[in-house]
C-alpha atoms as a PDB file:
ATOM      1  CA  MET A   1      -0.192  14.896 -16.079  1.00  0.00           C
ATOM      2  CA  LYS A   2       2.686  15.514 -18.520  1.00  0.00           C
ATOM      3  CA  ASP A   3       0.523  14.638 -21.609  1.00  0.00           C
ATOM      4  CA  LYS A   4      -2.179  12.356 -22.662  1.00  0.00           C
ATOM      5  CA  LEU A   5      -0.062   9.286 -22.052  1.00  0.00           C
ATOM      6  CA  ARG A   6      -0.147   7.753 -18.713  1.00  0.00           C
ATOM      7  CA  ARG A   7       3.411   6.774 -17.543  1.00  0.00           C
ATOM      8  CA  ILE A   8       4.238   4.623 -14.664  1.00  0.00           C
ATOM      9  CA  VAL A   9       7.629   3.919 -13.592  1.00  0.00           C
ATOM     10  CA  ILE A  10       8.184   0.731 -11.288  1.00  0.00           C
ATOM     11  CA  ILE A  11      11.495   0.832  -9.252  1.00  0.00           C
ATOM     12  CA  GLY A  12      11.972  -2.830  -8.490  1.00  0.00           C
ATOM     13  CA  ALA A  13      11.368  -5.679 -10.773  1.00  0.00           C
ATOM     14  CA  GLY A  14      11.042  -8.436  -8.317  1.00  0.00           C
ATOM     15  CA  HIS A  15       7.822 -10.233  -7.230  1.00  0.00           C
ATOM     16  CA  VAL A  16       5.858  -7.248  -6.032  1.00  0.00           C
ATOM     17  CA  GLY A  17       7.024  -4.665  -8.756  1.00  0.00           C
ATOM     18  CA  SER A  18       6.376  -7.318 -11.531  1.00  0.00           C
ATOM     19  CA  HIS A  19       2.851  -8.027 -10.180  1.00  0.00           C
ATOM     20  CA  CYS A  20       2.232  -4.329 -10.058  1.00  0.00           C
ATOM     21  CA  GLY A  21       3.035  -3.832 -13.620  1.00  0.00           C
ATOM     22  CA  TYR A  22       1.099  -6.992 -14.622  1.00  0.00           C
ATOM     23  CA  SER A  23      -2.050  -5.778 -12.814  1.00  0.00           C
ATOM     24  CA  LEU A  24      -1.631  -2.223 -14.339  1.00  0.00           C
ATOM     25  CA  LEU A  25      -1.401  -3.748 -17.776  1.00  0.00           C
ATOM     26  CA  MET A  26      -4.455  -6.118 -17.275  1.00  0.00           C
ATOM     27  CA  GLN A  27      -6.654  -3.453 -15.886  1.00  0.00           C
ATOM     28  CA  GLY A  28      -5.686  -0.873 -18.739  1.00  0.00           C
ATOM     29  CA  GLU A  29      -4.500   1.679 -16.274  1.00  0.00           C
ATOM     30  CA  ALA A  30      -1.151   2.856 -18.053  1.00  0.00           C
ATOM     31  CA  ASP A  31      -0.145   3.638 -21.513  1.00  0.00           C
ATOM     32  CA  GLU A  32       3.513   3.071 -20.576  1.00  0.00           C
ATOM     33  CA  ILE A  33       5.009   0.878 -17.859  1.00  0.00           C
ATOM     34  CA  ILE A  34       8.807   1.365 -17.296  1.00  0.00           C
ATOM     35  CA  PHE A  35      10.869  -0.834 -14.998  1.00  0.00           C
ATOM     36  CA  ILE A  36      14.030   0.179 -13.373  1.00  0.00           C
ATOM     37  CA  ASP A  37      16.073  -2.357 -11.544  1.00  0.00           C
ATOM     38  CA  ILE A  38      19.742  -2.639 -10.319  1.00  0.00           C
ATOM     39  CA  ASP A  39      19.555  -6.194 -12.207  1.00  0.00           C
ATOM     40  CA  GLU A  40      19.018  -4.719 -15.732  1.00  0.00           C
ATOM     41  CA  LYS A  41      18.898  -8.316 -17.174  1.00  0.00           C
ATOM     42  CA  LYS A  42      16.061  -9.344 -14.926  1.00  0.00           C
ATOM     43  CA  GLY A  43      14.402  -5.999 -15.218  1.00  0.00           C
ATOM     44  CA  ALA A  44      14.343  -6.543 -19.038  1.00  0.00           C
ATOM     45  CA  ALA A  45      13.012 -10.045 -18.793  1.00  0.00           C
ATOM     46  CA  GLN A  46      10.264  -8.970 -16.497  1.00  0.00           C
ATOM     47  CA  ALA A  47       9.083  -6.315 -18.964  1.00  0.00           C
ATOM     48  CA  TRP A  48       9.511  -8.858 -21.926  1.00  0.00           C
ATOM     49  CA  ASP A  49       7.195 -11.229 -20.178  1.00  0.00           C
ATOM     50  CA  ILE A  50       4.485  -8.687 -19.090  1.00  0.00           C
ATOM     51  CA  ALA A  51       4.620  -7.330 -22.498  1.00  0.00           C
ATOM     52  CA  ASP A  52       3.779 -10.682 -23.933  1.00  0.00           C
ATOM     53  CA  ALA A  53       0.349 -10.510 -22.159  1.00  0.00           C
ATOM     54  CA  GLY A  54      -0.392  -7.181 -23.803  1.00  0.00           C
ATOM     55  CA  CYS A  55      -2.205  -8.584 -26.528  1.00  0.00           C
ATOM     56  CA  TYR A  56      -5.010  -9.558 -24.042  1.00  0.00           C
ATOM     57  CA  ALA A  57      -5.076  -6.297 -22.315  1.00  0.00           C
ATOM     58  CA  PRO A  58      -7.681  -3.568 -22.782  1.00  0.00           C
ATOM     59  CA  HIS A  59      -5.576  -1.484 -24.983  1.00  0.00           C
ATOM     60  CA  PRO A  60      -1.918  -1.381 -26.177  1.00  0.00           C
ATOM     61  CA  THR A  61       0.607  -0.444 -23.482  1.00  0.00           C
ATOM     62  CA  VAL A  62       4.482  -0.207 -23.776  1.00  0.00           C
ATOM     63  CA  VAL A  63       6.241  -2.235 -21.243  1.00  0.00           C
ATOM     64  CA  ARG A  64      10.171  -1.780 -21.198  1.00  0.00           C
ATOM     65  CA  LEU A  65      13.176  -1.471 -19.218  1.00  0.00           C
ATOM     66  CA  GLY A  66      14.407   2.084 -18.399  1.00  0.00           C
ATOM     67  CA  ASP A  67      16.395   4.268 -16.109  1.00  0.00           C
ATOM     68  CA  TYR A  68      15.867   7.217 -13.783  1.00  0.00           C
ATOM     69  CA  SER A  69      15.804   9.684 -16.820  1.00  0.00           C
ATOM     70  CA  ASP A  70      12.447   8.169 -17.403  1.00  0.00           C
ATOM     71  CA  CYS A  71      11.232   9.528 -14.169  1.00  0.00           C
ATOM     72  CA  LYS A  72      10.909  12.931 -15.379  1.00  0.00           C
ATOM     73  CA  ALA A  73       8.031  12.030 -17.665  1.00  0.00           C
ATOM     74  CA  ALA A  74       6.305   9.781 -15.308  1.00  0.00           C
ATOM     75  CA  ASP A  75       3.084  10.594 -13.717  1.00  0.00           C
ATOM     76  CA  ILE A  76       3.428   8.063 -10.926  1.00  0.00           C
ATOM     77  CA  ILE A  77       6.337   6.154  -9.545  1.00  0.00           C
ATOM     78  CA  VAL A  78       5.927   2.977  -7.568  1.00  0.00           C
ATOM     79  CA  LEU A  79       8.772   2.108  -5.294  1.00  0.00           C
ATOM     80  CA  ALA A  80       8.912  -1.576  -4.866  1.00  0.00           C
ATOM     81  CA  ALA A  81      12.639  -2.240  -4.382  1.00  0.00           C
ATOM     82  CA  GLY A  82      13.908  -3.770  -1.385  1.00  0.00           C
ATOM     83  CA  VAL A  83      14.691  -6.907   0.438  1.00  0.00           C
ATOM     84  CA  PRO A  84      11.799  -9.353   0.560  1.00  0.00           C
ATOM     85  CA  ARG A  85      10.957 -10.862   4.287  1.00  0.00           C
ATOM     86  CA  LYS A  86      11.636 -14.319   5.077  1.00  0.00           C
ATOM     87  CA  PRO A  87       9.477 -16.788   6.840  1.00  0.00           C
ATOM     88  CA  GLY A  88       9.427 -15.948  10.405  1.00  0.00           C
ATOM     89  CA  GLN A  89      10.609 -12.356   9.832  1.00  0.00           C
ATOM     90  CA  THR A  90       8.264  -9.304  10.441  1.00  0.00           C
ATOM     91  CA  ARG A  91       8.137  -6.542   7.967  1.00  0.00           C
ATOM     92  CA  LEU A  92      10.086  -4.339  10.506  1.00  0.00           C
ATOM     93  CA  ASP A  93      12.864  -6.956  10.440  1.00  0.00           C
ATOM     94  CA  THR A  94      13.685  -5.975   7.006  1.00  0.00           C
ATOM     95  CA  MET A  95      14.279  -2.182   7.814  1.00  0.00           C
ATOM     96  CA  GLY A  96      17.995  -2.212   7.789  1.00  0.00           C
ATOM     97  CA  ASP A  97      18.298  -3.703   4.526  1.00  0.00           C
ATOM     98  CA  SER A  98      15.677  -1.594   2.964  1.00  0.00           C
ATOM     99  CA  ILE A  99      16.992   1.594   4.277  1.00  0.00           C
ATOM    100  CA  GLN A 100      20.333   0.777   2.440  1.00  0.00           C
ATOM    101  CA  VAL A 101      18.518   0.283  -0.962  1.00  0.00           C
ATOM    102  CA  MET A 102      16.643   3.515  -0.377  1.00  0.00           C
ATOM    103  CA  LYS A 103      20.006   5.605   0.114  1.00  0.00           C
ATOM    104  CA  GLN A 104      20.925   4.317  -3.412  1.00  0.00           C
ATOM    105  CA  ILE A 105      17.489   5.319  -4.887  1.00  0.00           C
ATOM    106  CA  VAL A 106      16.748   8.741  -3.358  1.00  0.00           C
ATOM    107  CA  GLU A 107      19.482  10.842  -4.905  1.00  0.00           C
ATOM    108  CA  PRO A 108      18.949   9.715  -8.595  1.00  0.00           C
ATOM    109  CA  LEU A 109      15.299  10.083  -7.909  1.00  0.00           C
ATOM    110  CA  LYS A 110      15.725  13.621  -6.706  1.00  0.00           C
ATOM    111  CA  ALA A 111      17.939  14.515  -9.490  1.00  0.00           C
ATOM    112  CA  SER A 112      15.540  13.167 -12.115  1.00  0.00           C
ATOM    113  CA  GLY A 113      13.177  16.020 -12.266  1.00  0.00           C
ATOM    114  CA  PHE A 114      10.172  13.902 -11.475  1.00  0.00           C
ATOM    115  CA  GLU A 115       7.055  16.079 -10.334  1.00  0.00           C
ATOM    116  CA  GLY A 116       4.335  13.336  -9.872  1.00  0.00           C
ATOM    117  CA  ILE A 117       3.129  11.009  -7.243  1.00  0.00           C
ATOM    118  CA  LEU A 118       5.521   8.573  -5.428  1.00  0.00           C
ATOM    119  CA  ILE A 119       3.569   5.539  -3.967  1.00  0.00           C
ATOM    120  CA  CYS A 120       5.754   3.363  -1.690  1.00  0.00           C
ATOM    121  CA  ILE A 121       5.236  -0.356  -1.398  1.00  0.00           C
ATOM    122  CA  SER A 122       8.718  -1.355  -0.049  1.00  0.00           C
ATOM    123  CA  ASN A 123       8.578  -2.781   3.587  1.00  0.00           C
ATOM    124  CA  PRO A 124       8.372  -1.614   6.176  1.00  0.00           C
ATOM    125  CA  ALA A 125       5.823   0.515   4.293  1.00  0.00           C
ATOM    126  CA  ASP A 126       5.079   3.240   6.797  1.00  0.00           C
ATOM    127  CA  ILE A 127       8.884   3.872   7.566  1.00  0.00           C
ATOM    128  CA  ILE A 128       9.851   3.742   4.055  1.00  0.00           C
ATOM    129  CA  ALA A 129       7.264   6.304   3.000  1.00  0.00           C
ATOM    130  CA  ASP A 130       8.268   8.540   5.875  1.00  0.00           C
ATOM    131  CA  TYR A 131      11.996   8.252   4.916  1.00  0.00           C
ATOM    132  CA  MET A 132      11.412   8.938   1.143  1.00  0.00           C
ATOM    133  CA  ARG A 133       9.186  11.998   1.945  1.00  0.00           C
ATOM    134  CA  LYS A 134      11.846  13.544   4.206  1.00  0.00           C
ATOM    135  CA  HIS A 135      14.816  12.711   1.982  1.00  0.00           C
ATOM    136  CA  THR A 136      13.227  13.975  -1.286  1.00  0.00           C
ATOM    137  CA  GLY A 137      11.709  17.013   0.342  1.00  0.00           C
ATOM    138  CA  TRP A 138       8.495  16.465  -1.686  1.00  0.00           C
ATOM    139  CA  PRO A 139       5.238  17.367  -0.366  1.00  0.00           C
ATOM    140  CA  SER A 140       3.029  14.835   1.705  1.00  0.00           C
ATOM    141  CA  ASN A 141       0.275  14.657  -0.654  1.00  0.00           C
ATOM    142  CA  ARG A 142       2.795  13.425  -3.217  1.00  0.00           C
ATOM    143  CA  VAL A 143       4.579  10.621  -1.021  1.00  0.00           C
ATOM    144  CA  PHE A 144       2.614   7.736   0.691  1.00  0.00           C
ATOM    145  CA  SER A 145       2.451   4.291   0.947  1.00  0.00           C
ATOM    146  CA  THR A 146      -0.199   1.692   0.300  1.00  0.00           C
ATOM    147  CA  GLY A 147      -0.158   1.229   3.903  1.00  0.00           C
ATOM    148  CA  THR A 148      -3.019  -0.948   5.297  1.00  0.00           C
ATOM    149  CA  SER A 149      -4.872  -1.075   1.947  1.00  0.00           C
ATOM    150  CA  LEU A 150      -3.636  -4.671   1.524  1.00  0.00           C
ATOM    151  CA  ASP A 151      -4.569  -5.278   5.402  1.00  0.00           C
ATOM    152  CA  THR A 152      -7.993  -4.038   4.483  1.00  0.00           C
ATOM    153  CA  ALA A 153      -8.354  -6.419   1.704  1.00  0.00           C
ATOM    154  CA  ARG A 154      -7.421  -9.303   3.873  1.00  0.00           C
ATOM    155  CA  LEU A 155      -9.710  -7.994   6.693  1.00  0.00           C
ATOM    156  CA  LYS A 156     -12.683  -8.047   4.193  1.00  0.00           C
ATOM    157  CA  ARG A 157     -11.920 -11.525   3.188  1.00  0.00           C
ATOM    158  CA  VAL A 158     -11.767 -12.707   6.652  1.00  0.00           C
ATOM    159  CA  LEU A 159     -15.069 -11.151   7.323  1.00  0.00           C
ATOM    160  CA  GLN A 160     -16.423 -12.653   4.132  1.00  0.00           C
ATOM    161  CA  VAL A 161     -15.473 -16.271   5.312  1.00  0.00           C
ATOM    162  CA  GLU A 162     -16.753 -15.696   8.978  1.00  0.00           C
ATOM    163  CA  THR A 163     -20.015 -14.168   8.244  1.00  0.00           C
ATOM    164  CA  GLY A 164     -20.971 -15.099   4.789  1.00  0.00           C
ATOM    165  CA  ALA A 165     -21.407 -11.636   3.584  1.00  0.00           C
ATOM    166  CA  ASP A 166     -20.002 -10.607   0.241  1.00  0.00           C
ATOM    167  CA  ALA A 167     -16.738  -8.853   0.718  1.00  0.00           C
ATOM    168  CA  ARG A 168     -18.163  -5.975  -1.631  1.00  0.00           C
ATOM    169  CA  SER A 169     -20.985  -5.232   0.800  1.00  0.00           C
ATOM    170  CA  ILE A 170     -18.384  -4.898   3.803  1.00  0.00           C
ATOM    171  CA  GLN A 171     -17.231  -1.255   4.498  1.00  0.00           C
ATOM    172  CA  CYS A 172     -14.216  -1.293   6.776  1.00  0.00           C
ATOM    173  CA  PHE A 173     -10.536  -0.357   7.366  1.00  0.00           C
ATOM    174  CA  SER A 174      -7.440  -1.674   8.906  1.00  0.00           C
ATOM    175  CA  MET A 175      -5.198   1.150  10.484  1.00  0.00           C
ATOM    176  CA  GLY A 176      -1.912   1.781  11.868  1.00  0.00           C
ATOM    177  CA  GLU A 177       1.158  -0.053  10.878  1.00  0.00           C
ATOM    178  CA  HIS A 178       1.274  -2.145   7.742  1.00  0.00           C
ATOM    179  CA  GLY A 179       2.364  -4.969  10.067  1.00  0.00           C
ATOM    180  CA  ASP A 180       1.792  -6.889  13.148  1.00  0.00           C
ATOM    181  CA  SER A 181       0.537  -4.010  15.293  1.00  0.00           C
ATOM    182  CA  SER A 182      -2.152  -3.095  12.800  1.00  0.00           C
ATOM    183  CA  MET A 183      -5.499  -2.317  14.275  1.00  0.00           C
ATOM    184  CA  ILE A 184      -9.055  -2.618  13.392  1.00  0.00           C
ATOM    185  CA  PRO A 185     -11.808  -0.086  14.267  1.00  0.00           C
ATOM    186  CA  PHE A 186     -14.647  -2.519  14.432  1.00  0.00           C
ATOM    187  CA  SER A 187     -17.088   0.068  15.614  1.00  0.00           C
ATOM    188  CA  ALA A 188     -16.790   1.719  12.107  1.00  0.00           C
ATOM    189  CA  ILE A 189     -17.482  -1.519  10.044  1.00  0.00           C
ATOM    190  CA  THR A 190     -20.750  -1.763   8.372  1.00  0.00           C
ATOM    191  CA  ILE A 191     -22.183  -4.596   6.294  1.00  0.00           C
ATOM    192  CA  GLY A 192     -24.857  -3.699   3.835  1.00  0.00           C
ATOM    193  CA  GLY A 193     -25.014  -0.241   5.567  1.00  0.00           C
ATOM    194  CA  LYS A 194     -25.752  -1.660   9.113  1.00  0.00           C
ATOM    195  CA  PRO A 195     -22.973  -1.485  11.903  1.00  0.00           C
ATOM    196  CA  LEU A 196     -21.393  -4.795  12.436  1.00  0.00           C
ATOM    197  CA  LEU A 197     -21.636  -4.434  16.362  1.00  0.00           C
ATOM    198  CA  GLN A 198     -25.262  -3.891  15.887  1.00  0.00           C
ATOM    199  CA  LEU A 199     -25.615  -7.016  13.598  1.00  0.00           C
ATOM    200  CA  MET A 200     -23.642  -8.844  16.279  1.00  0.00           C
ATOM    201  CA  LYS A 201     -26.543  -7.944  18.847  1.00  0.00           C
ATOM    202  CA  GLU A 202     -29.374  -8.536  16.616  1.00  0.00           C
ATOM    203  CA  LYS A 203     -28.416 -11.732  15.164  1.00  0.00           C
ATOM    204  CA  PRO A 204     -26.623 -13.578  17.961  1.00  0.00           C
ATOM    205  CA  ASP A 205     -26.819 -17.199  16.107  1.00  0.00           C
ATOM    206  CA  THR A 206     -24.824 -15.771  13.252  1.00  0.00           C
ATOM    207  CA  TYR A 207     -23.060 -12.571  13.539  1.00  0.00           C
ATOM    208  CA  GLY A 208     -23.094 -12.915  17.238  1.00  0.00           C
ATOM    209  CA  LYS A 209     -20.684 -15.743  17.227  1.00  0.00           C
ATOM    210  CA  LEU A 210     -18.166 -13.672  15.449  1.00  0.00           C
ATOM    211  CA  ASN A 211     -14.714 -13.580  17.361  1.00  0.00           C
ATOM    212  CA  LEU A 212     -13.296 -10.102  16.890  1.00  0.00           C
ATOM    213  CA  ASP A 213      -9.788 -11.250  18.318  1.00  0.00           C
ATOM    214  CA  HIS A 214      -9.701 -14.113  15.631  1.00  0.00           C
ATOM    215  CA  VAL A 215     -10.613 -11.510  13.014  1.00  0.00           C
ATOM    216  CA  LEU A 216      -7.713  -8.974  14.090  1.00  0.00           C
ATOM    217  CA  ASN A 217      -5.264 -12.021  14.388  1.00  0.00           C
ATOM    218  CA  ARG A 218      -6.059 -13.539  10.880  1.00  0.00           C
ATOM    219  CA  THR A 219      -5.898 -10.164   9.322  1.00  0.00           C
ATOM    220  CA  ARG A 220      -2.598  -9.439  10.557  1.00  0.00           C
ATOM    221  CA  MET A 221      -1.238 -13.310  10.076  1.00  0.00           C
ATOM    222  CA  ILE A 222      -2.414 -13.837   6.418  1.00  0.00           C
ATOM    223  CA  GLY A 223       0.567 -12.156   4.746  1.00  0.00           C
ATOM    224  CA  MET A 224       2.895 -14.296   6.946  1.00  0.00           C
ATOM    225  CA  ASP A 225       1.175 -17.419   5.984  1.00  0.00           C
ATOM    226  CA  VAL A 226       1.524 -16.654   2.395  1.00  0.00           C
ATOM    227  CA  VAL A 227       5.441 -16.061   2.841  1.00  0.00           C
ATOM    228  CA  ILE A 228       5.731 -19.473   4.709  1.00  0.00           C
ATOM    229  CA  GLY A 229       3.793 -21.138   1.864  1.00  0.00           C
ATOM    230  CA  LYS A 230       5.417 -19.593  -1.253  1.00  0.00           C
ATOM    231  CA  GLY A 231       8.018 -17.164  -0.349  1.00  0.00           C
ATOM    232  CA  SER A 232       6.308 -13.905  -1.079  1.00  0.00           C
ATOM    233  CA  THR A 233       3.143 -11.998  -1.482  1.00  0.00           C
ATOM    234  CA  GLU A 234       2.554 -10.523  -4.828  1.00  0.00           C
ATOM    235  CA  PHE A 235      -1.059 -10.820  -6.388  1.00  0.00           C
ATOM    236  CA  GLY A 236      -2.857  -8.809  -3.673  1.00  0.00           C
ATOM    237  CA  ILE A 237      -0.440  -6.053  -3.290  1.00  0.00           C
ATOM    238  CA  GLY A 238      -0.368  -5.719  -7.189  1.00  0.00           C
ATOM    239  CA  THR A 239      -4.043  -5.347  -7.531  1.00  0.00           C
ATOM    240  CA  VAL A 240      -4.009  -2.958  -4.415  1.00  0.00           C
ATOM    241  CA  LEU A 241      -1.516  -0.904  -6.225  1.00  0.00           C
ATOM    242  CA  ALA A 242      -3.478  -0.800  -9.595  1.00  0.00           C
ATOM    243  CA  ASP A 243      -6.597   0.045  -7.633  1.00  0.00           C
ATOM    244  CA  MET A 244      -4.891   3.113  -6.207  1.00  0.00           C
ATOM    245  CA  VAL A 245      -3.519   4.187  -9.409  1.00  0.00           C
ATOM    246  CA  LYS A 246      -7.038   4.080 -10.968  1.00  0.00           C
ATOM    247  CA  ALA A 247      -8.228   6.491  -8.226  1.00  0.00           C
ATOM    248  CA  ILE A 248      -5.428   8.770  -9.210  1.00  0.00           C
ATOM    249  CA  PHE A 249      -5.614   8.844 -12.915  1.00  0.00           C
ATOM    250  CA  HIS A 250      -9.461   9.191 -12.788  1.00  0.00           C
ATOM    251  CA  ASN A 251      -9.601  11.582 -10.119  1.00  0.00           C
ATOM    252  CA  GLU A 252     -12.018   9.452  -8.098  1.00  0.00           C
ATOM    253  CA  HIS A 253     -11.578  11.189  -4.693  1.00  0.00           C
ATOM    254  CA  ARG A 254     -12.152   7.787  -3.379  1.00  0.00           C
ATOM    255  CA  ILE A 255     -11.365   6.996   0.318  1.00  0.00           C
ATOM    256  CA  LEU A 256      -8.639   4.214   0.780  1.00  0.00           C
ATOM    257  CA  PRO A 257      -6.467   3.520   3.677  1.00  0.00           C
ATOM    258  CA  VAL A 258      -3.036   4.662   2.981  1.00  0.00           C
ATOM    259  CA  SER A 259       0.091   5.435   5.258  1.00  0.00           C
ATOM    260  CA  VAL A 260       0.141   9.252   4.946  1.00  0.00           C
ATOM    261  CA  LEU A 261       1.909  11.973   7.094  1.00  0.00           C
ATOM    262  CA  LEU A 262      -0.316  12.788  10.034  1.00  0.00           C
ATOM    263  CA  ASN A 263      -0.239  16.176  11.328  1.00  0.00           C
ATOM    264  CA  GLY A 264      -2.669  16.111  14.466  1.00  0.00           C
ATOM    265  CA  GLU A 265      -5.105  13.647  12.985  1.00  0.00           C
ATOM    266  CA  TYR A 266      -5.979  10.803  15.362  1.00  0.00           C
ATOM    267  CA  GLY A 267      -3.930  12.528  17.997  1.00  0.00           C
ATOM    268  CA  GLN A 268      -0.586  11.840  16.068  1.00  0.00           C
ATOM    269  CA  GLN A 269       1.971  14.214  14.673  1.00  0.00           C
ATOM    270  CA  GLY A 270       4.986  13.845  12.161  1.00  0.00           C
ATOM    271  CA  LEU A 271       4.701  10.137  11.231  1.00  0.00           C
ATOM    272  CA  HIS A 272       3.082   8.009   8.457  1.00  0.00           C
ATOM    273  CA  ALA A 273       0.467   5.711   9.541  1.00  0.00           C
ATOM    274  CA  GLY A 274      -2.325   3.845   7.727  1.00  0.00           C
ATOM    275  CA  VAL A 275      -5.596   5.834   7.728  1.00  0.00           C
ATOM    276  CA  PRO A 276      -8.408   6.279   5.386  1.00  0.00           C
ATOM    277  CA  ALA A 277      -7.810   9.266   2.956  1.00  0.00           C
ATOM    278  CA  ALA A 278      -9.388  10.640  -0.069  1.00  0.00           C
ATOM    279  CA  ILE A 279      -7.296  10.259  -3.184  1.00  0.00           C
ATOM    280  CA  GLY A 280      -7.519  12.025  -6.441  1.00  0.00           C
ATOM    281  CA  LYS A 281      -5.255  13.337  -9.310  1.00  0.00           C
ATOM    282  CA  ASN A 282      -3.004  15.234  -6.965  1.00  0.00           C
ATOM    283  CA  GLY A 283      -2.469  12.507  -4.465  1.00  0.00           C
ATOM    284  CA  ILE A 284      -3.816  12.872  -0.859  1.00  0.00           C
ATOM    285  CA  GLU A 285      -6.700  15.320  -0.821  1.00  0.00           C
ATOM    286  CA  GLU A 286      -7.876  14.756   2.748  1.00  0.00           C
ATOM    287  CA  ILE A 287      -7.533  12.517   5.738  1.00  0.00           C
ATOM    288  CA  ILE A 288     -10.710  11.015   7.007  1.00  0.00           C
ATOM    289  CA  LYS A 289     -11.250  11.219  10.632  1.00  0.00           C
ATOM    290  CA  LEU A 290     -12.983   8.198  12.011  1.00  0.00           C
ATOM    291  CA  HIS A 291     -14.655   8.265  15.479  1.00  0.00           C
ATOM    292  CA  LEU A 292     -12.594   5.747  17.396  1.00  0.00           C
ATOM    293  CA  SER A 293     -13.684   4.250  20.772  1.00  0.00           C
ATOM    294  CA  GLU A 294     -11.318   4.630  23.762  1.00  0.00           C
ATOM    295  CA  GLU A 295     -10.016   1.095  23.256  1.00  0.00           C
ATOM    296  CA  GLU A 296      -9.418   1.729  19.445  1.00  0.00           C
ATOM    297  CA  GLN A 297      -7.602   5.012  19.988  1.00  0.00           C
ATOM    298  CA  LYS A 298      -5.324   2.955  22.400  1.00  0.00           C
ATOM    299  CA  LEU A 299      -4.453   0.375  19.947  1.00  0.00           C
ATOM    300  CA  PHE A 300      -3.864   3.065  17.138  1.00  0.00           C
ATOM    301  CA  ASP A 301      -1.544   5.044  19.492  1.00  0.00           C
ATOM    302  CA  GLU A 302       0.334   1.696  20.206  1.00  0.00           C
ATOM    303  CA  SER A 303       0.828   0.943  16.591  1.00  0.00           C
ATOM    304  CA  CYS A 304       1.908   4.612  15.972  1.00  0.00           C
ATOM    305  CA  ALA A 305       4.584   4.411  18.920  1.00  0.00           C
ATOM    306  CA  ILE A 306       6.027   1.177  17.067  1.00  0.00           C
ATOM    307  CA  ILE A 307       6.214   3.151  13.822  1.00  0.00           C
ATOM    308  CA  ARG A 308       7.581   6.207  15.399  1.00  0.00           C
ATOM    309  CA  LYS A 309      10.316   4.175  17.151  1.00  0.00           C
ATOM    310  CA  HIS A 310      11.405   2.664  13.844  1.00  0.00           C
ATOM    311  CA  ILE A 311      11.399   5.997  12.029  1.00  0.00           C
ATOM    312  CA  THR A 312      13.939   7.302  14.622  1.00  0.00           C
ATOM    313  CA  LEU A 313      16.064   3.971  14.074  1.00  0.00           C
ATOM    314  CA  ALA A 314      16.060   4.585  10.242  1.00  0.00           C
ATOM    315  CA  GLU A 315      17.540   7.982  10.482  1.00  0.00           C
ATOM    316  CA  HIS A 316      20.639   6.571  12.121  1.00  0.00           C
ATOM    317  CA  MET A 317      21.117   3.841   9.798  1.00  0.00           C
END
């Protein structure tokens, strides 16, 4: 950390970036929140609007518009710039426009002297994280995406609805692409410490009625339902980001599903994909290797193949 003040720069003051700032403010996880946006008038207005909520926050926080010169003193940069997907679009459909935005950001970001942690939210999240890591040249522990953290939150909510178990008692991960090919290692899910698959056998009249295909499909499609209904997702990802920042600032060594560079883990090499990883003050500390069934490994490999294909396409845009 640069000093005792916790500084966060958010690049992109749209729906996602502004809700990240608001969540950080209300959870008391920053001392200074600085927005950078190509539309400076909008960026300033978002900062003022969020600052108005500051008197109800846990402690005083400066919220303001800034520029790339502010990145040098930042501990964390949140990359939330890009083009929101439209109803009917997958996250991958936004890749072309998003890469063009990244090309405008990467050079001033490199020149800023930033030495902290870059968390990418812009979609398609796995491809953007990979692109920014390569083009900044920063180490992989410092450049990653929220990945399947939001997917995992949605998975917990689906399981809560379907089983009646409190989401806080459910341990699970969504993995692979933050997108339509994400997969769920059902063999690793526990509820109250007991494996889900065991509960399904022991309690056929309750857990046994759980349709795993339905759980997977609902987890994948909730985001699109939100986009169709209101035009964008924002509250969920803003809270996910604030929680991840908390793990970094408090050096929690907490295990969260993030899109990080794989170097042989899960049989994959040289691409970003959502996997559980321990996170602390220096970013990614360790990738956690779950034991996947043969079918689960196949689904993860298929998801990674889609990510890899689009990483290659992104380099030629």
